[in-house]
Protein backbone atom coordinates (compact mmCIF):
# COMPACT_ATOMS: atom_id res chain seq x y z
CA MET A 1 104.79 -32.73 120.10
CA LEU A 2 107.82 -34.11 118.34
CA ASN A 3 109.62 -30.89 119.65
CA ARG A 4 109.38 -32.05 123.16
CA PHE A 5 109.41 -35.74 122.51
CA ASN A 6 111.53 -36.19 119.52
CA LEU A 7 111.33 -38.89 116.85
CA HIS A 8 114.31 -40.70 118.11
CA ARG A 9 112.87 -41.12 121.66
CA LEU A 10 109.52 -42.02 120.15
CA VAL A 11 110.95 -44.82 118.07
CA LEU A 12 113.06 -46.15 120.98
CA THR A 13 110.01 -46.02 123.22
CA ALA A 14 107.98 -48.10 120.77
CA LEU A 15 110.97 -50.47 120.43
CA PHE A 16 111.16 -50.91 124.14
CA ALA A 17 107.39 -51.49 124.40
CA ALA A 18 107.67 -54.19 121.61
CA LEU A 19 110.54 -55.78 123.40
CA VAL A 20 108.59 -55.85 126.68
CA ALA A 21 105.74 -57.60 124.93
CA ILE A 22 108.03 -59.97 123.25
CA ALA A 23 110.08 -60.91 126.52
CA THR A 24 106.81 -61.25 128.28
CA MET A 25 105.23 -63.68 125.68
CA VAL A 26 108.27 -65.79 124.81
CA ILE A 27 109.34 -66.87 128.31
CA ASN A 28 106.24 -67.22 130.52
CA ILE A 29 105.10 -69.80 133.09
CA PRO A 30 101.41 -70.02 133.71
CA MET A 31 100.24 -69.76 137.40
CA ALA A 32 96.97 -71.62 137.59
CA ALA A 33 95.99 -70.39 141.06
CA THR A 34 95.69 -66.67 139.95
CA GLN A 35 95.17 -67.11 136.28
CA GLY A 36 98.37 -65.08 135.57
CA PHE A 37 101.90 -66.13 134.63
CA ILE A 38 105.59 -65.48 135.51
CA ASN A 39 107.75 -63.84 132.82
CA VAL A 40 111.02 -61.85 132.19
CA GLY A 41 109.38 -58.76 130.71
CA ASP A 42 110.33 -56.85 133.73
CA THR A 43 114.04 -57.12 132.77
CA VAL A 44 113.28 -55.08 129.65
CA ILE A 45 111.09 -52.61 131.71
CA PHE A 46 114.05 -52.05 134.00
CA LEU A 47 116.40 -51.59 130.88
CA SER A 48 114.10 -48.99 129.32
CA ALA A 49 113.63 -47.04 132.59
CA LEU A 50 117.35 -46.91 133.52
CA LEU A 51 118.58 -46.22 130.06
CA MET A 52 115.88 -43.82 128.83
CA GLY A 53 114.23 -42.52 131.88
CA PRO A 54 110.94 -42.57 133.80
CA LYS A 55 108.60 -41.60 130.93
CA VAL A 56 109.88 -44.35 128.67
CA GLY A 57 109.87 -46.88 131.58
CA LEU A 58 106.23 -45.89 132.22
CA MET A 59 105.17 -46.20 128.54
CA ALA A 60 107.15 -49.16 127.58
CA GLY A 61 106.24 -51.08 130.72
CA GLY A 62 102.68 -50.36 130.73
CA LEU A 63 101.83 -50.62 127.03
CA GLY A 64 104.25 -53.51 126.32
CA SER A 65 102.98 -55.61 129.21
CA ALA A 66 99.41 -54.87 128.65
CA LEU A 67 99.73 -55.83 124.95
CA ALA A 68 101.28 -59.16 125.89
CA ASP A 69 98.41 -59.92 128.32
CA LEU A 70 95.93 -59.14 125.47
CA LEU A 71 97.72 -61.22 122.90
CA LEU A 72 98.27 -64.09 125.34
CA GLY A 73 94.64 -64.24 126.31
CA TYR A 74 94.90 -62.57 129.62
CA SER A 75 92.85 -59.71 128.73
CA HIS A 76 91.08 -59.65 132.22
CA TRP A 77 94.66 -58.67 133.54
CA ALA A 78 95.40 -56.02 130.89
CA PRO A 79 93.93 -52.97 132.63
CA TRP A 80 95.65 -53.86 135.95
CA THR A 81 98.97 -54.53 134.06
CA LEU A 82 98.91 -51.27 132.24
CA VAL A 83 98.94 -49.57 135.54
CA ILE A 84 101.04 -51.86 137.55
CA LYS A 85 103.92 -52.27 135.03
CA GLY A 86 103.64 -48.72 133.95
CA VAL A 87 104.23 -47.52 137.49
CA GLU A 88 107.00 -50.13 137.90
CA GLY A 89 108.75 -48.46 134.92
CA LEU A 90 108.12 -45.12 136.28
CA VAL A 91 109.51 -45.92 139.81
CA ALA A 92 112.65 -47.52 138.44
CA GLY A 93 113.16 -44.45 136.17
CA VAL A 94 112.68 -41.95 138.88
CA LEU A 95 114.71 -43.66 141.34
CA GLY A 96 117.49 -45.07 139.10
CA HIS A 97 117.84 -43.44 135.80
CA GLY A 98 119.77 -40.29 136.96
CA VAL A 99 122.08 -42.33 139.21
CA TYR A 100 122.69 -44.86 136.52
CA ARG A 101 123.51 -42.16 133.80
CA GLN A 102 125.74 -40.25 136.38
CA GLU A 103 127.70 -43.22 137.52
CA GLU A 104 127.58 -45.15 134.22
CA ARG A 105 127.59 -48.41 136.20
CA VAL A 106 124.98 -50.36 138.24
CA SER A 107 125.77 -49.27 141.79
CA GLY A 108 123.99 -50.13 144.96
CA ARG A 109 121.63 -47.33 144.47
CA VAL A 110 120.58 -48.47 141.08
CA VAL A 111 120.03 -52.09 142.43
CA ILE A 112 117.82 -50.63 145.23
CA SER A 113 115.71 -48.80 142.69
CA LEU A 114 115.23 -52.14 140.83
CA VAL A 115 114.25 -53.95 143.94
CA ILE A 116 111.74 -51.17 145.07
CA SER A 117 110.24 -51.35 141.62
CA ALA A 118 109.89 -55.12 141.74
CA LEU A 119 108.36 -54.95 145.22
CA TRP A 120 105.81 -52.45 143.83
CA MET A 121 104.90 -55.02 141.07
CA VAL A 122 104.44 -57.65 143.63
CA VAL A 123 102.11 -55.62 145.94
CA GLY A 124 100.29 -54.18 142.85
CA TYR A 125 99.54 -57.68 141.55
CA TYR A 126 98.60 -58.97 145.00
CA VAL A 127 95.92 -56.03 145.46
CA ALA A 128 94.74 -56.62 141.81
CA GLY A 129 94.50 -60.30 142.39
CA GLY A 130 92.83 -59.82 145.75
CA ILE A 131 90.11 -57.67 143.90
CA MET A 132 89.74 -60.18 141.14
CA VAL A 133 89.87 -63.61 142.85
CA GLY A 134 90.13 -62.91 146.49
CA PHE A 135 93.20 -62.10 148.84
CA ASP A 136 93.69 -65.67 150.04
CA VAL A 137 94.10 -66.92 146.43
CA ALA A 138 96.20 -63.85 145.40
CA LEU A 139 98.68 -64.60 148.22
CA ALA A 140 99.72 -67.63 146.19
CA SER A 141 101.02 -65.39 143.47
CA VAL A 142 103.44 -63.44 145.74
CA PRO A 143 106.31 -65.92 145.74
CA GLY A 144 106.20 -66.27 141.96
CA ASN A 145 105.92 -62.53 141.43
CA LEU A 146 108.90 -62.04 143.86
CA VAL A 147 110.89 -64.48 141.77
CA GLN A 148 109.88 -62.76 138.63
CA GLY A 149 110.84 -59.26 139.93
CA LEU A 150 113.94 -60.01 141.56
CA GLY A 151 115.03 -62.38 138.90
CA SER A 152 114.43 -59.75 136.23
CA ALA A 153 116.49 -57.26 138.29
CA ALA A 154 119.19 -59.80 138.36
CA LEU A 155 119.05 -60.28 134.61
CA ALA A 156 118.91 -56.66 134.02
CA TRP A 157 122.17 -56.13 136.06
CA PRO A 158 124.73 -57.54 133.43
CA LEU A 159 122.71 -55.99 130.57
CA LEU A 160 122.90 -52.55 132.14
CA GLN A 161 126.62 -53.00 132.75
CA ALA A 162 127.15 -53.63 129.05
CA PHE A 163 124.98 -50.57 128.05
CA ALA A 164 126.36 -48.24 130.72
CA LYS A 165 128.56 -46.22 128.17
CA MET A 166 125.92 -46.00 125.45
CA LYS A 167 124.24 -42.63 124.83
CA LEU A 168 120.64 -43.31 123.79
């Protein structure tokens, strides 16, 4: 396994997953209506996906975010989060990693990949919330999730600019 997925990548993936969990846990605002919270973990998901690619974005986003849910007492959200945030990282990586690495800057195409990923997260949590607490109640989470996703994309932008020349 280490031939295909070398130790360096494995360590960076674990580091990004831990950073996602920390970013999610340190800055979070509870949302009483849906029993969830707003956080900045998506910023680190976007960084991992664009710097390292879709596989790392998938694993760091899904595992790091689900771990944060478990540690913060939101275990009822952890399975949903594992999938939603994992796919968010995958989408950001598939759409933006190659463009970002080729252009070595945050272009309009990279920003679009972040926006699409953030919108996936909003839709994913709306559907998950609808199944868990009802679609009318879940609708209340949409504005907060939009702020979280688009705000995280905005926070990722200057960080990505700073890391653009790094070879991870």
